[in-house]
Amino acid sequence: MIRPGRGGYGYERALGRAGLSPVAGADEAGRGACAGPLVAAAVVLDPRKPIAGLDDSKALSAARRQLLHDEIMARAVEVATVRVEHDECDRLGMHQADLHALRRAVARLAVSPAFVLTDGFPVDGLGTPGLGIWKGDKVAACVSAASIIAKVTRDAIMTEYHHTYPNYGFDVHKGYCTAVHQAALEEHGPCAIHRWCFDNVVRTARVVSS
């Protein structure tokens, strides 16, 4: 029986007992942002060497995320990340971009998983059995780890973009649709990394150009 808890290894251990090992977790960061790339990560952990404190990346402080990121990178069996740029998000639409990123992240793992756990919804086309878990980034350790890797990786990308586009505050809100970001959009219009599949970006472009 699986008894999931915060950051627990119940799913990985149960699947391992069923002969479905290794297990990969996959998650993304940046789906709801209107600027910058979408980043997906896939992680294979060793349940015999648990990492304490894994959780949904959004529930952790930036400092705690960074510490866990470094521990995951040092102790995971395998980690892979994928970056889907803003223009590809526009071309595919956000849901398809999300699926595309998760598939690519799993495919980049040097260790082929026997089963894949994803956060929230199932992902087809992985080439291996999988399961979407509601709040997977809180209840399955490998998904929590993927959530942390994806977010820390993307946050670093957006902080770097702040140096190129200092008017938008990307180092603070990381491209998400906050009031501060919206005010900057309304003042300056979209920059080169904004996503045109978001209505607020299109609206502000029209206002600034009029």
C-alpha atoms as a PDB file:
ATOM      1  CA  MET A   1       0.000   0.000   0.000  1.00  0.00           C
ATOM      2  CA  ILE A   2       1.221   3.515  -0.835  1.00  0.00           C
ATOM      3  CA  ARG A   3       1.088   5.978   2.032  1.00  0.00           C
ATOM      4  CA  PRO A   4       2.182   9.225   0.422  1.00  0.00           C
ATOM      5  CA  GLY A   5       3.446  11.999   2.635  1.00  0.00           C
ATOM      6  CA  ARG A   6       5.172  15.273   1.937  1.00  0.00           C
ATOM      7  CA  GLY A   7       8.247  14.529  -0.134  1.00  0.00           C
ATOM      8  CA  GLY A   8       7.744  10.785   0.547  1.00  0.00           C
ATOM      9  CA  TYR A   9       9.164   7.822  -1.313  1.00  0.00           C
ATOM     10  CA  GLY A  10       6.017   5.678  -1.082  1.00  0.00           C
ATOM     11  CA  TYR A  11       5.304   5.677  -4.819  1.00  0.00           C
ATOM     12  CA  GLU A  12       8.899   4.887  -5.774  1.00  0.00           C
ATOM     13  CA  ARG A  13       9.124   2.032  -3.252  1.00  0.00           C
ATOM     14  CA  ALA A  14       5.750   0.540  -4.259  1.00  0.00           C
ATOM     15  CA  LEU A  15       6.621   0.683  -7.945  1.00  0.00           C
ATOM     16  CA  GLY A  16      10.015  -0.851  -7.202  1.00  0.00           C
ATOM     17  CA  ARG A  17       8.335  -3.760  -5.392  1.00  0.00           C
ATOM     18  CA  ALA A  18       6.226  -4.275  -8.525  1.00  0.00           C
ATOM     19  CA  GLY A  19       9.379  -4.510 -10.634  1.00  0.00           C
ATOM     20  CA  LEU A  20       8.974  -1.013 -12.082  1.00  0.00           C
ATOM     21  CA  SER A  21      12.328   0.537 -11.269  1.00  0.00           C
ATOM     22  CA  PRO A  22      13.929   2.976 -11.745  1.00  0.00           C
ATOM     23  CA  VAL A  23      11.167   5.564 -11.361  1.00  0.00           C
ATOM     24  CA  ALA A  24      11.546   9.072 -12.783  1.00  0.00           C
ATOM     25  CA  GLY A  25       9.674  12.160 -11.644  1.00  0.00           C
ATOM     26  CA  ALA A  26       9.038  15.016 -14.059  1.00  0.00           C
ATOM     27  CA  ASP A  27       7.771  18.547 -13.538  1.00  0.00           C
ATOM     28  CA  GLU A  28       8.043  22.009 -15.073  1.00  0.00           C
ATOM     29  CA  ALA A  29       8.471  25.621 -14.033  1.00  0.00           C
ATOM     30  CA  GLY A  30       7.239  28.725 -15.799  1.00  0.00           C
ATOM     31  CA  ARG A  31       4.004  27.562 -17.379  1.00  0.00           C
ATOM     32  CA  GLY A  32       2.112  30.532 -15.918  1.00  0.00           C
ATOM     33  CA  ALA A  33       4.767  33.130 -16.731  1.00  0.00           C
ATOM     34  CA  CYS A  34       4.235  35.529 -19.626  1.00  0.00           C
ATOM     35  CA  ALA A  35       7.955  35.952 -20.276  1.00  0.00           C
ATOM     36  CA  GLY A  36      10.969  33.717 -20.588  1.00  0.00           C
ATOM     37  CA  PRO A  37      11.344  30.001 -21.221  1.00  0.00           C
ATOM     38  CA  LEU A  38       9.489  27.030 -19.835  1.00  0.00           C
ATOM     39  CA  VAL A  39      11.875  24.669 -18.030  1.00  0.00           C
ATOM     40  CA  ALA A  40      11.152  20.989 -17.395  1.00  0.00           C
ATOM     41  CA  ALA A  41      13.181  18.563 -15.317  1.00  0.00           C
ATOM     42  CA  ALA A  42      13.218  14.796 -14.914  1.00  0.00           C
ATOM     43  CA  VAL A  43      14.862  13.194 -11.878  1.00  0.00           C
ATOM     44  CA  VAL A  44      15.605   9.616 -10.827  1.00  0.00           C
ATOM     45  CA  LEU A  45      16.284   9.225  -7.104  1.00  0.00           C
ATOM     46  CA  ASP A  46      17.570   6.273  -5.085  1.00  0.00           C
ATOM     47  CA  PRO A  47      14.902   5.474  -2.430  1.00  0.00           C
ATOM     48  CA  ARG A  48      17.616   3.787  -0.366  1.00  0.00           C
ATOM     49  CA  LYS A  49      19.338   7.177  -0.022  1.00  0.00           C
ATOM     50  CA  PRO A  50      16.468   9.552   0.803  1.00  0.00           C
ATOM     51  CA  ILE A  51      16.847  13.317   0.659  1.00  0.00           C
ATOM     52  CA  ALA A  52      15.073  14.997   3.576  1.00  0.00           C
ATOM     53  CA  GLY A  53      12.806  18.002   3.158  1.00  0.00           C
ATOM     54  CA  LEU A  54      11.681  17.562  -0.445  1.00  0.00           C
ATOM     55  CA  ASP A  55       8.483  19.472  -1.208  1.00  0.00           C
ATOM     56  CA  ASP A  56       6.693  21.465  -3.883  1.00  0.00           C
ATOM     57  CA  SER A  57       9.288  24.047  -4.937  1.00  0.00           C
ATOM     58  CA  LYS A  58       6.770  26.881  -4.512  1.00  0.00           C
ATOM     59  CA  ALA A  59       6.352  25.971  -0.828  1.00  0.00           C
ATOM     60  CA  LEU A  60      10.082  26.418  -0.142  1.00  0.00           C
ATOM     61  CA  SER A  61      12.122  29.571   0.392  1.00  0.00           C
ATOM     62  CA  ALA A  62      14.653  30.463  -2.305  1.00  0.00           C
ATOM     63  CA  ALA A  63      17.520  29.596   0.045  1.00  0.00           C
ATOM     64  CA  ARG A  64      16.017  26.207   0.924  1.00  0.00           C
ATOM     65  CA  ARG A  65      15.325  25.454  -2.751  1.00  0.00           C
ATOM     66  CA  GLN A  66      18.946  26.172  -3.608  1.00  0.00           C
ATOM     67  CA  LEU A  67      20.241  23.890  -0.859  1.00  0.00           C
ATOM     68  CA  LEU A  68      17.944  21.079  -1.977  1.00  0.00           C
ATOM     69  CA  HIS A  69      18.841  21.686  -5.618  1.00  0.00           C
ATOM     70  CA  ASP A  70      22.516  21.193  -4.813  1.00  0.00           C
ATOM     71  CA  GLU A  71      21.803  18.071  -2.768  1.00  0.00           C
ATOM     72  CA  ILE A  72      19.645  16.595  -5.541  1.00  0.00           C
ATOM     73  CA  MET A  73      22.332  17.284  -8.135  1.00  0.00           C
ATOM     74  CA  ALA A  74      24.924  15.593  -5.925  1.00  0.00           C
ATOM     75  CA  ARG A  75      22.887  12.554  -4.887  1.00  0.00           C
ATOM     76  CA  ALA A  76      20.346  11.791  -7.629  1.00  0.00           C
ATOM     77  CA  VAL A  77      20.841   8.776  -9.861  1.00  0.00           C
ATOM     78  CA  GLU A  78      20.137  10.981 -12.884  1.00  0.00           C
ATOM     79  CA  VAL A  79      18.897  14.508 -13.650  1.00  0.00           C
ATOM     80  CA  ALA A  80      17.905  16.042 -16.994  1.00  0.00           C
ATOM     81  CA  THR A  81      16.553  19.494 -17.842  1.00  0.00           C
ATOM     82  CA  VAL A  82      14.977  20.976 -20.950  1.00  0.00           C
ATOM     83  CA  ARG A  83      14.398  24.604 -21.888  1.00  0.00           C
ATOM     84  CA  VAL A  84      11.535  25.555 -24.224  1.00  0.00           C
ATOM     85  CA  GLU A  85      12.002  29.133 -25.399  1.00  0.00           C
ATOM     86  CA  HIS A  86       9.280  31.781 -25.377  1.00  0.00           C
ATOM     87  CA  ASP A  87       8.765  31.673 -29.151  1.00  0.00           C
ATOM     88  CA  GLU A  88       8.309  27.901 -29.105  1.00  0.00           C
ATOM     89  CA  CYS A  89       5.753  28.342 -26.314  1.00  0.00           C
ATOM     90  CA  ASP A  90       3.911  30.761 -28.609  1.00  0.00           C
ATOM     91  CA  ARG A  91       4.047  28.338 -31.513  1.00  0.00           C
ATOM     92  CA  LEU A  92       2.877  25.293 -29.554  1.00  0.00           C
ATOM     93  CA  GLY A  93       0.590  26.890 -26.956  1.00  0.00           C
ATOM     94  CA  MET A  94       1.357  26.457 -23.283  1.00  0.00           C
ATOM     95  CA  HIS A  95      -0.209  23.044 -22.683  1.00  0.00           C
ATOM     96  CA  GLN A  96       1.486  21.446 -25.667  1.00  0.00           C
ATOM     97  CA  ALA A  97       4.755  23.188 -24.783  1.00  0.00           C
ATOM     98  CA  ASP A  98       4.443  21.710 -21.292  1.00  0.00           C
ATOM     99  CA  LEU A  99       3.892  18.178 -22.627  1.00  0.00           C
ATOM    100  CA  HIS A 100       6.701  18.598 -25.147  1.00  0.00           C
ATOM    101  CA  ALA A 101       9.127  19.753 -22.435  1.00  0.00           C
ATOM    102  CA  LEU A 102       8.276  16.909 -20.073  1.00  0.00           C
ATOM    103  CA  ARG A 103       8.696  14.310 -22.818  1.00  0.00           C
ATOM    104  CA  ARG A 104      12.058  15.769 -23.809  1.00  0.00           C
ATOM    105  CA  ALA A 105      13.280  15.902 -20.215  1.00  0.00           C
ATOM    106  CA  VAL A 106      12.451  12.222 -19.665  1.00  0.00           C
ATOM    107  CA  ALA A 107      14.045  11.291 -23.006  1.00  0.00           C
ATOM    108  CA  ARG A 108      17.279  13.032 -21.972  1.00  0.00           C
ATOM    109  CA  LEU A 109      17.759  10.850 -18.911  1.00  0.00           C
ATOM    110  CA  ALA A 110      20.842   8.682 -19.345  1.00  0.00           C
ATOM    111  CA  VAL A 111      19.096   6.038 -17.202  1.00  0.00           C
ATOM    112  CA  SER A 112      15.921   4.780 -18.884  1.00  0.00           C
ATOM    113  CA  PRO A 113      13.047   4.779 -16.360  1.00  0.00           C
ATOM    114  CA  ALA A 114      10.630   1.878 -16.067  1.00  0.00           C
ATOM    115  CA  PHE A 115       7.895   4.235 -14.856  1.00  0.00           C
ATOM    116  CA  VAL A 116       7.367   8.015 -14.843  1.00  0.00           C
ATOM    117  CA  LEU A 117       5.434  10.086 -12.311  1.00  0.00           C
ATOM    118  CA  THR A 118       4.272  13.555 -13.332  1.00  0.00           C
ATOM    119  CA  ASP A 119       2.645  16.383 -11.422  1.00  0.00           C
ATOM    120  CA  GLY A 120      -1.074  16.860 -11.940  1.00  0.00           C
ATOM    121  CA  PHE A 121      -1.795  15.262 -15.287  1.00  0.00           C
ATOM    122  CA  PRO A 122      -0.594  12.235 -17.258  1.00  0.00           C
ATOM    123  CA  VAL A 123       1.799  12.727 -20.158  1.00  0.00           C
ATOM    124  CA  ASP A 124       1.517  10.460 -23.169  1.00  0.00           C
ATOM    125  CA  GLY A 125       4.342   9.684 -25.562  1.00  0.00           C
ATOM    126  CA  LEU A 126       6.954   9.017 -22.854  1.00  0.00           C
ATOM    127  CA  GLY A 127       7.819   5.595 -24.238  1.00  0.00           C
ATOM    128  CA  THR A 128       7.231   4.060 -20.808  1.00  0.00           C
ATOM    129  CA  PRO A 129       4.272   3.672 -18.417  1.00  0.00           C
ATOM    130  CA  GLY A 130       3.406   6.727 -16.357  1.00  0.00           C
ATOM    131  CA  LEU A 131       0.981   8.245 -13.895  1.00  0.00           C
ATOM    132  CA  GLY A 132      -0.133  11.812 -13.268  1.00  0.00           C
ATOM    133  CA  ILE A 133      -0.538  12.500  -9.548  1.00  0.00           C
ATOM    134  CA  TRP A 134      -2.585  15.301  -8.029  1.00  0.00           C
ATOM    135  CA  LYS A 135      -0.147  17.420  -6.008  1.00  0.00           C
ATOM    136  CA  GLY A 136       2.580  15.063  -7.141  1.00  0.00           C
ATOM    137  CA  ASP A 137       5.248  17.629  -6.276  1.00  0.00           C
ATOM    138  CA  LYS A 138       4.183  17.327  -2.625  1.00  0.00           C
ATOM    139  CA  VAL A 139       3.644  13.572  -2.295  1.00  0.00           C
ATOM    140  CA  ALA A 140       6.229  11.889  -4.550  1.00  0.00           C
ATOM    141  CA  ALA A 141       9.901  12.515  -3.844  1.00  0.00           C
ATOM    142  CA  CYS A 142      11.078  12.271  -7.447  1.00  0.00           C
ATOM    143  CA  VAL A 143       8.428  14.751  -8.613  1.00  0.00           C
ATOM    144  CA  SER A 144       9.301  17.122  -5.756  1.00  0.00           C
ATOM    145  CA  ALA A 145      12.939  16.895  -6.808  1.00  0.00           C
ATOM    146  CA  ALA A 146      12.052  17.626 -10.439  1.00  0.00           C
ATOM    147  CA  SER A 147       9.962  20.605  -9.315  1.00  0.00           C
ATOM    148  CA  ILE A 148      12.925  22.023  -7.389  1.00  0.00           C
ATOM    149  CA  ILE A 149      15.431  21.474 -10.201  1.00  0.00           C
ATOM    150  CA  ALA A 150      13.112  23.065 -12.770  1.00  0.00           C
ATOM    151  CA  LYS A 151      12.349  26.121 -10.644  1.00  0.00           C
ATOM    152  CA  VAL A 152      15.907  26.834  -9.505  1.00  0.00           C
ATOM    153  CA  THR A 153      17.145  26.433 -13.084  1.00  0.00           C
ATOM    154  CA  ARG A 154      14.481  28.743 -14.477  1.00  0.00           C
ATOM    155  CA  ASP A 155      14.873  31.350 -11.724  1.00  0.00           C
ATOM    156  CA  ALA A 156      18.591  31.578 -12.552  1.00  0.00           C
ATOM    157  CA  ILE A 157      17.759  32.082 -16.244  1.00  0.00           C
ATOM    158  CA  MET A 158      15.314  34.885 -15.457  1.00  0.00           C
ATOM    159  CA  THR A 159      17.769  36.572 -13.095  1.00  0.00           C
ATOM    160  CA  GLU A 160      20.290  36.621 -15.944  1.00  0.00           C
ATOM    161  CA  TYR A 161      17.658  38.112 -18.266  1.00  0.00           C
ATOM    162  CA  HIS A 162      17.254  40.966 -15.776  1.00  0.00           C
ATOM    163  CA  HIS A 163      20.698  42.240 -16.819  1.00  0.00           C
ATOM    164  CA  THR A 164      19.588  42.389 -20.457  1.00  0.00           C
ATOM    165  CA  TYR A 165      16.098  43.768 -19.771  1.00  0.00           C
ATOM    166  CA  PRO A 166      16.418  45.725 -16.496  1.00  0.00           C
ATOM    167  CA  ASN A 167      13.113  47.603 -16.880  1.00  0.00           C
ATOM    168  CA  TYR A 168      10.904  44.591 -16.108  1.00  0.00           C
ATOM    169  CA  GLY A 169      12.108  43.242 -12.750  1.00  0.00           C
ATOM    170  CA  PHE A 170      12.674  39.690 -13.982  1.00  0.00           C
ATOM    171  CA  ASP A 171      15.032  39.091 -11.058  1.00  0.00           C
ATOM    172  CA  VAL A 172      12.085  39.591  -8.685  1.00  0.00           C
ATOM    173  CA  HIS A 173       8.968  38.082 -10.308  1.00  0.00           C
ATOM    174  CA  LYS A 174      10.754  35.765 -12.786  1.00  0.00           C
ATOM    175  CA  GLY A 175       8.374  36.666 -15.605  1.00  0.00           C
ATOM    176  CA  TYR A 176       5.121  35.778 -13.843  1.00  0.00           C
ATOM    177  CA  CYS A 177       2.085  38.033 -14.225  1.00  0.00           C
ATOM    178  CA  THR A 178       2.433  40.121 -11.081  1.00  0.00           C
ATOM    179  CA  ALA A 179       1.209  43.697 -10.627  1.00  0.00           C
ATOM    180  CA  VAL A 180       4.805  44.965 -10.808  1.00  0.00           C
ATOM    181  CA  HIS A 181       5.402  43.097 -14.045  1.00  0.00           C
ATOM    182  CA  GLN A 182       2.145  44.339 -15.539  1.00  0.00           C
ATOM    183  CA  ALA A 183       3.022  47.944 -14.660  1.00  0.00           C
ATOM    184  CA  ALA A 184       6.377  47.556 -16.415  1.00  0.00           C
ATOM    185  CA  LEU A 185       4.653  46.057 -19.452  1.00  0.00           C
ATOM    186  CA  GLU A 186       2.229  48.958 -19.623  1.00  0.00           C
ATOM    187  CA  GLU A 187       5.069  51.455 -19.403  1.00  0.00           C
ATOM    188  CA  HIS A 188       7.591  49.836 -21.728  1.00  0.00           C
ATOM    189  CA  GLY A 189       5.645  47.353 -23.818  1.00  0.00           C
ATOM    190  CA  PRO A 190       6.795  43.751 -24.371  1.00  0.00           C
ATOM    191  CA  CYS A 191      10.470  42.906 -24.756  1.00  0.00           C
ATOM    192  CA  ALA A 192      12.035  40.165 -26.880  1.00  0.00           C
ATOM    193  CA  ILE A 193      11.356  37.346 -24.388  1.00  0.00           C
ATOM    194  CA  HIS A 194       7.674  38.011 -23.722  1.00  0.00           C
ATOM    195  CA  ARG A 195       5.144  35.376 -24.788  1.00  0.00           C
ATOM    196  CA  TRP A 196       2.583  36.580 -27.305  1.00  0.00           C
ATOM    197  CA  CYS A 197       0.216  33.725 -26.425  1.00  0.00           C
ATOM    198  CA  PHE A 198      -0.653  35.699 -23.259  1.00  0.00           C
ATOM    199  CA  ASP A 199      -3.470  38.233 -23.634  1.00  0.00           C
ATOM    200  CA  ASN A 200      -1.900  40.765 -21.267  1.00  0.00           C
ATOM    201  CA  VAL A 201       1.211  40.931 -23.462  1.00  0.00           C
ATOM    202  CA  VAL A 202      -0.847  41.536 -26.604  1.00  0.00           C
ATOM    203  CA  ARG A 203      -2.988  44.177 -24.877  1.00  0.00           C
ATOM    204  CA  THR A 204      -0.044  46.172 -23.564  1.00  0.00           C
ATOM    205  CA  ALA A 205       1.700  46.056 -26.943  1.00  0.00           C
ATOM    206  CA  ARG A 206      -1.364  47.651 -28.516  1.00  0.00           C
ATOM    207  CA  VAL A 207      -1.574  50.332 -25.810  1.00  0.00           C
ATOM    208  CA  VAL A 208       2.121  51.253 -25.994  1.00  0.00           C
ATOM    209  CA  SER A 209       2.131  51.370 -29.812  1.00  0.00           C
ATOM    210  CA  SER A 210      -1.036  53.463 -30.053  1.00  0.00           C
END
